[in-house]
Amino acid sequence: MTDSKTPTFPNVTEMLKFGEQFAKQFFDVVGKHSQTLQQTSSKVPLPETEALSALQKAFAQRHVALWSHMLQRQPGATAEPLVQPPRGDRRFSAEAWQESPMYDYMRQAYLLNAEFLTQVADALPMADGRAKAKMQFLTRQYVDALAPSNFAATNPEFIKKALETKGESISAGIQNLLADMEKGRISMTDDGAFEVGRNLATTPGAVIYENPLMQLIQYSPLTDKVAATPLLIVPPCINKFYIMDLQAHNSLVRFIVEQGFTVFLVSWKNPKEDLSQATWDDYLEKGPLTALDVVRQVTGVKKPNVLGFCVGGTLLTSALAVAKGRGEDPVESLTLMTTLLDFADAGELGCLVDETSVAAREATIGKGGLLPGQELANVFSALRANDLVWQYVVGNYLKGDKPAAFDLLYWNSDSTNLPGPFLAWYLRNMYLENNLRVPGRLKMLGVKVDLGKVDVPAYLLAAREDHIVPWQSAYLVRKLLGGETTFVLGASGHIAGAINPASKNRRSYWTGEAQSADPDEWLDSAQEQPGSWWLHWIEWLKTRGGKQVAARGRLGSTTYEAIEPAPGRYVKEKS
């Protein structure tokens, strides 16, 4: 049975009529409310701080000004908006939002309310920084979800397209929704446009070693001569490695091989029940430490160069600290891309980690089990909900569009499970207690680790707009490692800042010679350089590559024969 108050939509015309009525009611109610805001603001104060009181007063005044501005607008005319969306916000950029005074007011009133709630969350007098960060995160989720663009009744683009297509867009949107419900996730790209091994992860090579946790890929040389010292890459285990080997024009792996390096790469297994007991120590032992041993045996080089990305960098550096604690001298140089070793400010992910949530994980999957890949993917999508959730809700379901083919978003949707014991240990010791930065506090593989003993030259790359690894936190790695460090700050975010192909040579990066303890002081004296940081880094790496030698035609060795062509079967496994 349906409630008598619930509107039904027997046809498109009725649905559009309801949308117009809903919008008009919203328009009237908010308009009347805005006229009284200034009078009531002093009677309903926010928490007693001068900053919050000032915010409330300014909010009331701006609503009154907005309402007055809209009343003066002439029928059929457009007006310069009083409230502008943040830079990069395209939700209300279509002309349909400006053509009708009703929708124009609706979008501006929403933006004003969203700005006010965000400012209040920022100004709340909370001593607990983690709790405040969580409040700011939840406020943004609430604000993003309630945007009028997300609902059929309040989105003029939906109405316009439904009329233009005679309702076909609504039918297509329903079909898209049903398909995504069956799929279990929102479609962000044309999944049929890509296939790992066909047009993604196509740099030639072979798997030369495998164990239950990883495969080790060696890539075929693309130059007649190569640097004598090879490079081992350890990508994150929380997603697939091919973010570093997308297509030929934007593949970091291919770029390095083309620059004359012998490249090895760890391809992590997508865990199933057989790996539900895997621990942090298992990942260290069977991942970077085993991979380094194989690389040494295959090439005859005792100290390879190594590169770690994101969590892969945390794992790699931990493995090097274990090796140093054993009295070994494992590598020639270390490159870390957007990596946290000091988790004091762990970005937006950090605000979601507290004692209660970690204890719950420890009590369940921490004793054996899996975190489903889709759950992890949903968390990352929520960090940028407008870009990775609501954009596709509107496009796929309201407008009935099909998302365009985009390799990076295909990778983003290709989720990876995580073993519960690994995850629980990582959350507690890194995000919650920040133990890694303290020498000797953590024991891994029976060794007390001290990052200060990792005393090789290190190249540290951070991204200025990174919301997962704040660049200031990545900068703090300089104080933890024991060797000479080169810090470079790339433009853009966690992925786009790191995967900035030299073939396009876009964006920019900052370099500086200062060894300041404070990251902002370093940035003040740094110089902005045009183009991709890849070109700067490869020159740094070449000075640590040793002499030039003839490239070997054979991959692997008599001990480590090629098992299968790259990219291997592990990376193709679905969650």
Protein backbone atom coordinates (compact mmCIF):
# COMPACT_ATOMS: atom_id res chain seq x y z
CA MET A 1 0.00 0.00 0.00
CA THR A 2 1.08 3.56 -0.58
CA ASP A 3 0.54 6.44 1.76
CA SER A 4 -2.14 8.85 0.52
CA LYS A 5 0.28 11.74 0.91
CA THR A 6 2.95 10.15 -1.25
CA PRO A 7 2.87 11.50 -4.81
CA THR A 8 2.74 8.99 -7.65
CA PHE A 9 4.01 9.58 -11.17
CA PRO A 10 1.74 7.90 -13.73
CA ASN A 11 3.53 9.71 -16.55
CA VAL A 12 6.30 12.17 -17.30
CA THR A 13 3.98 15.17 -17.34
CA GLU A 14 2.73 14.46 -13.84
CA MET A 15 6.27 13.95 -12.59
CA LEU A 16 7.43 17.24 -14.02
CA LYS A 17 4.38 19.01 -12.62
CA PHE A 18 5.21 17.67 -9.16
CA GLY A 19 8.79 18.87 -9.59
CA GLU A 20 7.63 22.37 -10.40
CA GLN A 21 5.24 22.40 -7.40
CA PHE A 22 7.96 21.10 -5.08
CA ALA A 23 10.42 23.72 -6.27
CA LYS A 24 7.85 26.52 -5.94
CA GLN A 25 7.07 25.47 -2.36
CA PHE A 26 10.77 25.37 -1.55
CA PHE A 27 11.16 28.81 -3.11
CA ASP A 28 8.28 30.28 -1.09
CA VAL A 29 9.21 28.75 2.25
CA VAL A 30 12.89 29.68 2.07
CA GLY A 31 12.00 33.15 0.88
CA LYS A 32 9.71 33.79 3.83
CA HIS A 33 12.26 32.27 6.18
CA SER A 34 15.07 34.49 4.88
CA GLN A 35 13.04 37.63 5.67
CA THR A 36 12.90 36.71 9.35
CA LEU A 37 16.41 35.29 9.74
CA GLN A 38 17.90 38.62 10.75
CA GLN A 39 15.26 39.09 13.46
CA THR A 40 15.54 35.61 14.93
CA SER A 41 19.31 35.15 14.76
CA SER A 42 19.86 36.86 18.11
CA LYS A 43 17.18 34.66 19.75
CA VAL A 44 18.66 31.35 18.60
CA PRO A 45 22.40 31.72 19.11
CA LEU A 46 24.95 29.14 18.09
CA PRO A 47 27.58 28.00 20.61
CA GLU A 48 28.78 31.03 22.51
CA THR A 49 31.84 32.21 20.64
CA GLU A 50 32.30 35.50 18.87
CA ALA A 51 33.28 33.73 15.67
CA LEU A 52 30.13 31.64 15.50
CA SER A 53 27.89 34.58 16.37
CA ALA A 54 29.50 36.61 13.61
CA LEU A 55 28.96 33.76 11.17
CA GLN A 56 25.29 33.55 12.05
CA LYS A 57 24.76 37.27 11.66
CA ALA A 58 26.52 37.35 8.30
CA PHE A 59 24.53 34.31 7.17
CA ALA A 60 21.22 36.03 7.97
CA GLN A 61 22.26 39.20 6.22
CA ARG A 62 23.35 37.37 3.09
CA HIS A 63 20.06 35.46 2.89
CA VAL A 64 18.10 38.71 3.14
CA ALA A 65 20.31 40.23 0.43
CA LEU A 66 19.84 37.19 -1.79
CA TRP A 67 16.07 37.26 -1.43
CA SER A 68 15.96 41.00 -2.17
CA HIS A 69 18.19 40.49 -5.19
CA MET A 70 15.91 37.80 -6.62
CA LEU A 71 12.77 39.90 -6.08
CA GLN A 72 14.30 42.66 -8.17
CA ARG A 73 15.05 40.33 -11.06
CA GLN A 74 13.00 41.06 -14.16
CA PRO A 75 10.97 38.20 -15.71
CA GLY A 76 12.90 36.47 -18.46
CA ALA A 77 16.17 38.17 -17.52
CA THR A 78 19.32 36.64 -16.09
CA ALA A 79 21.24 38.17 -13.23
CA GLU A 80 24.78 37.91 -11.95
CA PRO A 81 24.58 35.53 -8.98
CA LEU A 82 25.37 36.85 -5.51
CA VAL A 83 26.62 33.44 -4.35
CA GLN A 84 29.25 31.65 -6.44
CA PRO A 85 30.11 27.95 -6.17
CA PRO A 86 33.63 26.98 -5.11
CA ARG A 87 36.29 26.72 -7.79
CA GLY A 88 35.86 23.52 -9.77
CA ASP A 89 32.24 22.94 -8.68
CA ARG A 90 30.31 22.26 -11.91
CA ARG A 91 27.03 21.06 -10.40
CA PHE A 92 25.13 24.26 -11.26
CA SER A 93 26.97 25.41 -14.38
CA ALA A 94 24.23 24.46 -16.88
CA GLU A 95 22.14 27.32 -18.24
CA ALA A 96 18.97 25.67 -16.95
CA TRP A 97 19.86 26.79 -13.42
CA GLN A 98 19.95 30.45 -14.51
CA GLU A 99 16.99 30.52 -16.88
CA SER A 100 14.40 30.20 -14.12
CA PRO A 101 14.46 32.59 -11.12
CA MET A 102 13.13 29.72 -9.02
CA TYR A 103 16.03 27.39 -9.74
CA ASP A 104 18.53 30.24 -9.71
CA TYR A 105 17.44 31.15 -6.21
CA MET A 106 17.36 27.51 -5.14
CA ARG A 107 20.97 26.90 -6.15
CA GLN A 108 22.22 30.12 -4.54
CA ALA A 109 20.30 29.48 -1.32
CA TYR A 110 21.79 25.98 -1.20
CA LEU A 111 25.32 27.27 -1.77
CA LEU A 112 24.83 29.87 0.95
CA ASN A 113 23.53 27.27 3.41
CA ALA A 114 26.33 24.85 2.51
CA GLU A 115 28.96 27.53 3.01
CA PHE A 116 27.47 28.47 6.38
CA LEU A 117 27.34 24.88 7.68
CA THR A 118 30.91 24.29 6.54
CA GLN A 119 32.10 27.47 8.28
CA VAL A 120 30.27 26.49 11.48
CA ALA A 121 31.93 23.05 11.46
CA ASP A 122 35.30 24.74 10.97
CA ALA A 123 34.68 27.23 13.79
CA LEU A 124 33.33 24.82 16.41
CA PRO A 125 35.41 25.16 19.61
CA MET A 126 36.48 21.50 19.93
CA ALA A 127 39.72 20.57 21.66
CA ASP A 128 39.87 17.10 20.11
CA GLY A 129 41.29 17.61 16.63
CA ARG A 130 40.25 14.16 15.41
CA ALA A 131 36.67 14.69 16.60
CA LYS A 132 36.54 18.07 14.90
CA ALA A 133 37.87 16.59 11.66
CA LYS A 134 35.15 13.96 11.82
CA MET A 135 32.52 16.67 12.33
CA GLN A 136 33.86 18.55 9.31
CA PHE A 137 33.80 15.36 7.23
CA LEU A 138 30.24 14.46 8.23
CA THR A 139 29.08 18.01 7.60
CA ARG A 140 30.46 17.86 4.08
CA GLN A 141 28.75 14.50 3.47
CA TYR A 142 25.44 15.99 4.64
CA VAL A 143 25.85 19.15 2.59
CA ASP A 144 26.86 17.29 -0.56
CA ALA A 145 24.00 14.81 -0.29
CA LEU A 146 21.32 17.51 0.04
CA ALA A 147 22.28 19.48 -3.06
CA PRO A 148 19.18 20.26 -5.17
CA SER A 149 21.05 18.90 -8.18
CA ASN A 150 20.79 15.38 -6.71
CA PHE A 151 16.99 15.16 -6.87
CA ALA A 152 14.65 14.93 -9.81
CA ALA A 153 12.13 17.38 -8.35
CA THR A 154 14.70 20.12 -7.86
CA ASN A 155 17.03 19.63 -10.83
CA PRO A 156 16.02 21.64 -13.92
CA GLU A 157 18.51 19.71 -16.06
CA PHE A 158 16.54 16.53 -15.34
CA ILE A 159 13.29 18.23 -16.29
CA LYS A 160 14.72 19.79 -19.45
CA LYS A 161 16.21 16.53 -20.69
CA ALA A 162 13.06 14.57 -19.88
CA LEU A 163 11.03 16.97 -22.00
CA GLU A 164 13.57 16.95 -24.84
CA THR A 165 13.68 13.14 -24.96
CA LYS A 166 9.95 12.68 -24.30
CA GLY A 167 10.72 10.72 -21.15
CA GLU A 168 13.32 8.40 -22.67
CA SER A 169 16.02 9.80 -20.38
CA ILE A 170 13.95 8.72 -17.36
CA SER A 171 13.60 5.20 -18.75
CA ALA A 172 17.35 5.06 -19.48
CA GLY A 173 18.13 6.32 -15.98
CA ILE A 174 16.02 3.57 -14.42
CA GLN A 175 17.80 0.97 -16.55
CA ASN A 176 21.18 2.39 -15.48
CA LEU A 177 20.10 2.24 -11.85
CA LEU A 178 18.96 -1.38 -12.11
CA ALA A 179 22.21 -2.36 -13.85
CA ASP A 180 24.29 -0.70 -11.14
CA MET A 181 22.24 -2.33 -8.39
CA GLU A 182 23.04 -5.69 -9.94
CA LYS A 183 26.69 -4.68 -10.25
CA GLY A 184 26.79 -3.50 -6.63
CA ARG A 185 28.37 -0.12 -7.36
CA ILE A 186 27.89 3.13 -9.24
CA SER A 187 29.29 3.06 -12.77
CA MET A 188 31.91 5.77 -13.25
CA THR A 189 33.13 4.76 -16.68
CA ASP A 190 32.34 2.49 -19.59
CA ASP A 191 33.54 -0.81 -18.15
CA GLY A 192 33.49 -2.47 -21.56
CA ALA A 193 36.05 -0.03 -22.94
CA PHE A 194 38.95 -1.46 -20.92
CA GLU A 195 40.55 -4.78 -20.13
CA VAL A 196 43.68 -5.37 -18.08
CA GLY A 197 46.30 -6.86 -20.36
CA ARG A 198 44.53 -5.69 -23.54
CA ASN A 199 44.62 -1.89 -23.33
CA LEU A 200 45.65 -1.41 -19.69
CA ALA A 201 48.89 -2.69 -18.10
CA THR A 202 50.37 -3.47 -21.51
CA THR A 203 54.06 -2.71 -20.94
CA PRO A 204 55.78 -5.93 -22.12
CA GLY A 205 57.34 -8.19 -19.53
CA ALA A 206 56.87 -11.43 -17.65
CA VAL A 207 56.06 -12.77 -14.20
CA ILE A 208 59.28 -14.39 -13.00
CA TYR A 209 58.27 -15.28 -9.44
CA GLU A 210 55.11 -15.76 -7.39
CA ASN A 211 54.02 -16.70 -3.90
CA PRO A 212 50.56 -16.67 -2.28
CA LEU A 213 50.72 -12.88 -1.71
CA MET A 214 52.37 -11.45 -4.81
CA GLN A 215 53.77 -11.94 -8.27
CA LEU A 216 57.02 -10.28 -9.30
CA ILE A 217 57.03 -8.83 -12.81
CA GLN A 218 60.19 -8.05 -14.77
CA TYR A 219 59.67 -5.72 -17.73
CA SER A 220 61.35 -6.16 -21.09
CA PRO A 221 64.01 -3.58 -21.98
CA LEU A 222 63.06 -0.93 -24.54
CA THR A 223 66.61 0.41 -24.98
CA ASP A 224 69.84 -1.23 -26.17
CA LYS A 225 71.63 -0.25 -22.98
CA VAL A 226 70.33 0.01 -19.44
CA ALA A 227 71.53 1.28 -16.09
CA ALA A 228 73.37 -1.44 -14.22
CA THR A 229 71.34 -0.86 -11.06
CA PRO A 230 67.71 -1.99 -11.46
CA LEU A 231 64.57 -0.48 -9.92
CA LEU A 232 62.02 -2.39 -7.82
CA ILE A 233 58.54 -0.83 -7.53
CA VAL A 234 56.23 -1.64 -4.61
CA PRO A 235 52.72 -0.29 -5.31
CA PRO A 236 49.94 -0.12 -2.69
CA CYS A 237 48.20 -3.36 -1.78
CA ILE A 238 44.86 -1.60 -1.27
CA ASN A 239 44.32 -1.31 -5.04
CA LYS A 240 45.67 -2.70 -8.30
CA PHE A 241 49.22 -1.92 -9.46
CA TYR A 242 48.22 -0.83 -12.95
CA ILE A 243 47.59 2.74 -11.84
CA MET A 244 51.32 2.88 -12.56
CA ASP A 245 50.90 1.21 -15.96
CA LEU A 246 47.65 2.45 -17.47
CA GLN A 247 48.10 3.08 -21.20
CA ALA A 248 51.31 3.69 -23.11
CA HIS A 249 51.01 7.50 -22.97
CA ASN A 250 50.42 7.68 -19.20
CA SER A 251 52.33 4.68 -17.87
CA LEU A 252 54.99 5.47 -15.29
CA VAL A 253 56.37 1.94 -15.67
CA ARG A 254 56.82 2.32 -19.43
CA PHE A 255 58.37 5.76 -18.98
CA ILE A 256 61.02 4.35 -16.62
CA VAL A 257 61.78 1.43 -18.94
CA GLU A 258 62.10 3.83 -21.90
CA GLN A 259 64.61 5.83 -19.87
CA GLY A 260 66.91 2.80 -19.76
CA PHE A 261 66.16 1.05 -16.48
CA THR A 262 65.55 -2.60 -15.71
CA VAL A 263 62.25 -2.49 -13.84
CA PHE A 264 60.71 -5.04 -11.49
CA LEU A 265 57.28 -4.60 -9.92
CA VAL A 266 55.29 -6.31 -7.16
CA SER A 267 51.77 -7.29 -8.21
CA TRP A 268 49.77 -8.03 -5.04
CA LYS A 269 47.25 -10.86 -4.89
CA ASN A 270 43.60 -9.85 -4.51
CA PRO A 271 42.97 -11.72 -1.23
CA LYS A 272 40.25 -14.31 -0.89
CA GLU A 273 39.44 -16.55 2.08
CA ASP A 274 42.74 -18.42 1.78
CA LEU A 275 44.55 -15.19 2.72
CA SER A 276 42.13 -14.03 5.40
CA GLN A 277 44.77 -14.64 8.10
CA ALA A 278 47.54 -12.64 6.40
CA THR A 279 49.32 -10.14 8.65
CA TRP A 280 51.47 -7.04 8.24
CA ASP A 281 54.55 -9.22 8.77
CA ASP A 282 53.39 -11.58 6.02
CA TYR A 283 53.18 -8.69 3.60
CA LEU A 284 56.67 -7.50 4.55
CA GLU A 285 58.28 -10.93 4.31
CA LYS A 286 56.52 -12.19 1.19
CA GLY A 287 56.37 -8.77 -0.46
CA PRO A 288 59.28 -6.28 -0.54
CA LEU A 289 61.85 -8.46 1.26
CA THR A 290 61.28 -11.48 -0.98
CA ALA A 291 61.09 -9.29 -4.09
CA LEU A 292 64.43 -7.66 -3.23
CA ASP A 293 66.05 -11.07 -2.81
CA VAL A 294 64.77 -12.24 -6.21
CA VAL A 295 65.90 -9.02 -7.94
CA ARG A 296 69.39 -9.44 -6.47
CA GLN A 297 69.64 -13.04 -7.66
CA VAL A 298 68.35 -12.26 -11.16
CA THR A 299 70.53 -9.18 -11.77
CA GLY A 300 73.54 -9.88 -9.58
CA VAL A 301 73.20 -6.36 -8.12
CA LYS A 302 73.36 -6.33 -4.31
CA LYS A 303 71.70 -2.94 -3.81
CA PRO A 304 68.82 -2.16 -6.20
CA ASN A 305 66.98 1.16 -6.29
CA VAL A 306 63.46 0.96 -4.86
CA LEU A 307 60.24 2.95 -5.21
CA GLY A 308 57.11 2.77 -3.04
CA PHE A 309 53.74 4.40 -3.69
CA CYS A 310 51.23 5.28 -0.92
CA VAL A 311 50.77 2.25 1.40
CA GLY A 312 53.34 0.47 -0.73
CA GLY A 313 55.82 3.11 0.41
CA THR A 314 54.94 2.49 4.06
CA LEU A 315 55.41 -1.25 3.58
CA LEU A 316 58.64 -0.78 1.64
CA THR A 317 60.21 1.57 4.18
CA SER A 318 59.19 -0.75 7.02
CA ALA A 319 60.83 -3.65 5.18
CA LEU A 320 64.03 -1.63 4.73
CA ALA A 321 64.03 -0.81 8.45
CA VAL A 322 63.71 -4.53 9.21
CA ALA A 323 66.63 -5.29 6.88
CA LYS A 324 68.71 -2.55 8.51
CA GLY A 325 67.85 -3.95 11.92
CA ARG A 326 69.21 -7.31 10.75
CA GLY A 327 72.49 -5.66 9.82
CA GLU A 328 71.87 -5.64 6.07
CA ASP A 329 72.50 -2.84 3.57
CA PRO A 330 69.58 -3.53 1.24
CA VAL A 331 69.21 -0.73 -1.34
CA GLU A 332 70.99 2.02 -3.24
CA SER A 333 68.22 4.63 -3.05
CA LEU A 334 64.61 5.03 -1.99
CA THR A 335 61.79 6.89 -3.76
CA LEU A 336 58.50 7.46 -1.95
CA MET A 337 55.43 8.73 -3.77
CA THR A 338 52.68 10.27 -1.59
CA THR A 339 53.63 8.14 1.41
CA LEU A 340 52.88 8.53 5.11
CA LEU A 341 55.37 7.44 7.76
CA ASP A 342 54.28 10.00 10.37
CA PHE A 343 50.50 9.71 10.78
CA ALA A 344 50.00 12.66 13.14
CA ASP A 345 47.89 14.31 10.44
CA ALA A 346 46.64 11.46 8.33
CA GLY A 347 44.26 13.47 6.19
CA GLU A 348 40.58 12.78 5.81
CA LEU A 349 41.01 9.04 6.30
CA GLY A 350 42.47 9.72 9.72
CA CYS A 351 39.31 11.37 10.98
CA LEU A 352 37.40 8.14 10.33
CA VAL A 353 39.70 6.07 12.53
CA ASP A 354 39.08 6.04 16.28
CA GLU A 355 39.42 3.57 19.14
CA THR A 356 35.88 2.30 18.77
CA SER A 357 36.12 1.60 15.05
CA VAL A 358 39.55 -0.02 15.30
CA ALA A 359 38.53 -2.19 18.24
CA ALA A 360 35.49 -3.33 16.28
CA ARG A 361 37.70 -4.37 13.35
CA GLU A 362 40.09 -6.17 15.70
CA ALA A 363 37.23 -8.08 17.33
CA THR A 364 35.86 -9.24 13.98
CA ILE A 365 38.04 -9.50 10.88
CA GLY A 366 41.17 -8.74 12.93
CA LYS A 367 41.09 -12.36 14.07
CA GLY A 368 40.69 -13.59 10.51
CA GLY A 369 38.50 -12.38 7.69
CA LEU A 370 38.38 -9.94 4.80
CA LEU A 371 37.47 -6.31 4.30
CA PRO A 372 35.51 -6.39 1.02
CA GLY A 373 37.07 -4.31 -1.70
CA GLN A 374 33.83 -2.50 -2.44
CA GLU A 375 33.60 -1.30 1.16
CA LEU A 376 37.08 0.18 0.90
CA ALA A 377 36.26 1.74 -2.47
CA ASN A 378 33.13 3.33 -1.00
CA VAL A 379 35.20 4.98 1.73
CA PHE A 380 37.55 6.52 -0.80
CA SER A 381 34.63 7.66 -2.97
CA ALA A 382 33.00 9.32 0.04
CA LEU A 383 36.09 11.46 0.51
CA ARG A 384 35.21 13.15 -2.79
CA ALA A 385 31.48 12.50 -2.94
CA ASN A 386 30.61 15.23 -5.43
CA ASP A 387 33.18 13.96 -7.92
CA LEU A 388 32.92 10.21 -7.30
CA VAL A 389 29.32 9.66 -6.17
CA TRP A 390 26.79 12.40 -6.85
CA GLN A 391 28.11 13.34 -10.28
CA TYR A 392 27.27 9.83 -11.45
CA VAL A 393 23.97 9.62 -9.57
CA VAL A 394 22.85 12.71 -11.49
CA GLY A 395 24.37 11.71 -14.84
CA ASN A 396 23.50 8.02 -14.81
CA TYR A 397 20.13 7.97 -13.07
CA LEU A 398 18.53 11.42 -13.48
CA LYS A 399 19.77 12.25 -16.98
CA GLY A 400 20.03 8.67 -18.24
CA ASP A 401 23.55 9.20 -19.59
CA LYS A 402 26.28 6.61 -19.93
CA PRO A 403 29.61 7.57 -18.33
CA ALA A 404 32.48 8.16 -20.72
CA ALA A 405 35.45 5.80 -21.01
CA PHE A 406 38.19 6.86 -18.58
CA ASP A 407 41.07 4.54 -17.71
CA LEU A 408 41.75 6.05 -14.28
CA LEU A 409 38.12 5.64 -13.18
CA TYR A 410 38.10 2.07 -14.48
CA TRP A 411 41.06 1.41 -12.20
CA ASN A 412 39.32 3.25 -9.36
CA SER A 413 36.35 0.86 -9.63
CA ASP A 414 38.55 -2.26 -9.77
CA SER A 415 38.58 -2.81 -6.01
CA THR A 416 40.79 -5.04 -3.88
CA ASN A 417 40.00 -6.96 -0.70
CA LEU A 418 42.20 -6.67 2.38
CA PRO A 419 43.01 -9.33 5.00
CA GLY A 420 41.50 -8.40 8.36
CA PRO A 421 44.62 -9.01 10.53
CA PHE A 422 46.73 -6.84 8.18
CA LEU A 423 44.15 -4.05 8.18
CA ALA A 424 43.51 -4.05 11.94
CA TRP A 425 47.23 -3.92 12.75
CA TYR A 426 47.79 -1.16 10.20
CA LEU A 427 44.91 0.98 11.48
CA ARG A 428 45.95 0.71 15.13
CA ASN A 429 49.69 1.12 14.79
CA MET A 430 49.73 3.72 12.03
CA TYR A 431 46.54 5.77 11.94
CA LEU A 432 45.44 5.48 15.57
CA GLU A 433 48.64 5.32 17.64
CA ASN A 434 51.22 6.60 15.12
CA ASN A 435 53.83 4.15 16.35
CA LEU A 436 56.03 3.86 13.26
CA ARG A 437 57.71 7.22 13.75
CA VAL A 438 59.00 6.23 17.23
CA PRO A 439 62.33 4.31 17.05
CA GLY A 440 62.05 0.83 18.51
CA ARG A 441 58.37 1.00 19.43
CA LEU A 442 57.22 -1.46 16.77
CA LYS A 443 58.57 -4.95 16.27
CA MET A 444 58.22 -6.40 12.77
CA LEU A 445 59.37 -9.90 11.90
CA GLY A 446 60.98 -10.01 15.33
CA VAL A 447 63.02 -6.84 14.73
CA LYS A 448 62.55 -3.49 16.46
CA VAL A 449 62.34 -1.02 13.61
CA ASP A 450 63.97 2.39 13.48
CA LEU A 451 63.32 4.45 10.36
CA GLY A 452 66.38 6.53 11.16
CA LYS A 453 68.55 3.55 10.17
CA VAL A 454 67.22 3.80 6.61
CA ASP A 455 70.08 6.09 5.62
CA VAL A 456 70.08 5.91 1.82
CA PRO A 457 69.37 8.89 -0.47
CA ALA A 458 65.60 9.37 -0.68
CA TYR A 459 63.41 11.20 -3.19
CA LEU A 460 60.09 12.19 -1.60
CA LEU A 461 57.14 13.18 -3.80
CA ALA A 462 53.98 14.70 -2.34
CA ALA A 463 50.93 16.27 -4.02
CA ARG A 464 49.74 19.72 -3.01
CA GLU A 465 45.98 18.95 -3.09
CA ASP A 466 46.26 15.41 -1.73
CA HIS A 467 43.37 14.64 0.66
CA ILE A 468 44.62 11.14 1.51
CA VAL A 469 48.28 11.94 2.23
CA PRO A 470 48.49 15.65 3.15
CA TRP A 471 51.67 17.02 1.65
CA GLN A 472 52.77 18.55 4.96
CA SER A 473 52.62 15.06 6.52
CA ALA A 474 54.57 13.56 3.62
CA TYR A 475 57.17 16.26 4.22
CA LEU A 476 57.68 15.03 7.80
CA VAL A 477 59.29 11.89 6.37
CA ARG A 478 62.44 14.01 6.02
CA LYS A 479 62.81 14.06 9.82
CA LEU A 480 62.39 10.28 10.15
CA LEU A 481 64.77 8.86 7.57
CA GLY A 482 68.47 8.83 8.24
CA GLY A 483 69.80 9.72 4.79
CA GLU A 484 69.86 12.70 2.48
CA THR A 485 66.39 13.63 1.23
CA THR A 486 65.12 15.47 -1.84
CA PHE A 487 61.56 16.72 -1.44
CA VAL A 488 59.39 17.61 -4.43
CA LEU A 489 55.81 18.86 -4.33
CA GLY A 490 53.59 18.08 -7.29
CA ALA A 491 50.43 19.89 -8.30
CA SER A 492 46.94 18.32 -8.06
CA GLY A 493 45.81 15.41 -5.86
CA HIS A 494 46.78 11.95 -4.67
CA ILE A 495 46.54 10.22 -8.05
CA ALA A 496 46.66 13.01 -10.63
CA GLY A 497 49.62 14.57 -8.83
CA ALA A 498 51.57 11.32 -8.92
CA ILE A 499 50.50 10.03 -12.32
CA ASN A 500 51.39 13.16 -14.29
CA PRO A 501 52.79 11.73 -17.53
CA ALA A 502 55.88 13.25 -19.04
CA SER A 503 54.38 12.68 -22.50
CA LYS A 504 51.90 15.49 -21.81
CA ASN A 505 54.23 17.42 -19.46
CA ARG A 506 51.36 19.37 -17.89
CA ARG A 507 50.81 20.92 -14.48
CA SER A 508 53.85 21.84 -12.41
CA TYR A 509 55.90 20.93 -9.34
CA TRP A 510 57.94 22.70 -6.69
CA THR A 511 61.58 22.08 -5.79
CA GLY A 512 63.75 23.63 -3.12
CA GLU A 513 67.14 23.16 -1.51
CA ALA A 514 66.03 24.28 1.96
CA GLN A 515 66.07 21.63 4.68
CA SER A 516 63.49 23.39 6.85
CA ALA A 517 61.78 21.41 9.58
CA ASP A 518 58.55 23.24 8.79
CA PRO A 519 56.93 22.30 5.44
CA ASP A 520 55.37 25.72 4.90
CA GLU A 521 58.77 27.37 5.35
CA TRP A 522 60.15 25.02 2.71
CA LEU A 523 57.35 25.96 0.30
CA ASP A 524 57.97 29.68 0.85
CA SER A 525 61.47 29.32 -0.58
CA ALA A 526 60.68 26.63 -3.18
CA GLN A 527 60.58 27.32 -6.91
CA GLU A 528 57.68 26.28 -9.12
CA GLN A 529 58.76 24.31 -12.19
CA PRO A 530 56.52 23.78 -15.24
CA GLY A 531 55.65 20.28 -16.41
CA SER A 532 55.83 16.77 -14.96
CA TRP A 533 57.88 15.87 -11.91
CA TRP A 534 58.75 12.58 -13.67
CA LEU A 535 61.42 14.39 -15.68
CA HIS A 536 63.02 15.81 -12.54
CA TRP A 537 62.93 12.46 -10.73
CA ILE A 538 64.37 10.39 -13.56
CA GLU A 539 67.45 12.59 -13.65
CA TRP A 540 67.85 12.06 -9.91
CA LEU A 541 67.49 8.30 -10.39
CA LYS A 542 69.99 8.18 -13.25
CA THR A 543 72.75 9.42 -10.95
CA ARG A 544 72.11 6.31 -8.86
CA GLY A 545 71.76 3.88 -11.74
CA GLY A 546 75.41 3.03 -12.15
CA LYS A 547 77.19 2.48 -15.44
CA GLN A 548 75.45 1.64 -18.71
CA VAL A 549 75.42 -2.03 -19.67
CA ALA A 550 73.95 -4.01 -22.55
CA ALA A 551 70.27 -4.82 -22.03
CA ARG A 552 69.56 -8.48 -21.39
CA GLY A 553 67.16 -10.08 -23.84
CA ARG A 554 66.12 -12.80 -21.44
CA LEU A 555 63.79 -12.10 -18.54
CA GLY A 556 64.37 -13.87 -15.25
CA SER A 557 67.12 -16.44 -14.85
CA THR A 558 67.68 -20.16 -14.78
CA THR A 559 66.36 -20.14 -11.22
CA TYR A 560 63.48 -17.76 -11.93
CA GLU A 561 62.04 -18.70 -15.30
CA ALA A 562 59.20 -16.70 -16.82
CA ILE A 563 55.88 -18.02 -15.53
CA GLU A 564 53.46 -16.03 -17.70
CA PRO A 565 53.41 -12.74 -19.63
CA ALA A 566 52.87 -9.47 -17.81
CA PRO A 567 50.64 -8.26 -16.26
CA GLY A 568 50.04 -11.73 -14.84
CA ARG A 569 46.86 -13.30 -13.50
CA TYR A 570 46.93 -11.88 -9.93
CA VAL A 571 46.05 -8.36 -11.08
CA LYS A 572 43.11 -9.65 -13.13
CA GLU A 573 41.35 -11.26 -10.17
CA LYS A 574 38.16 -9.50 -9.09
CA SER A 575 37.05 -8.90 -5.51
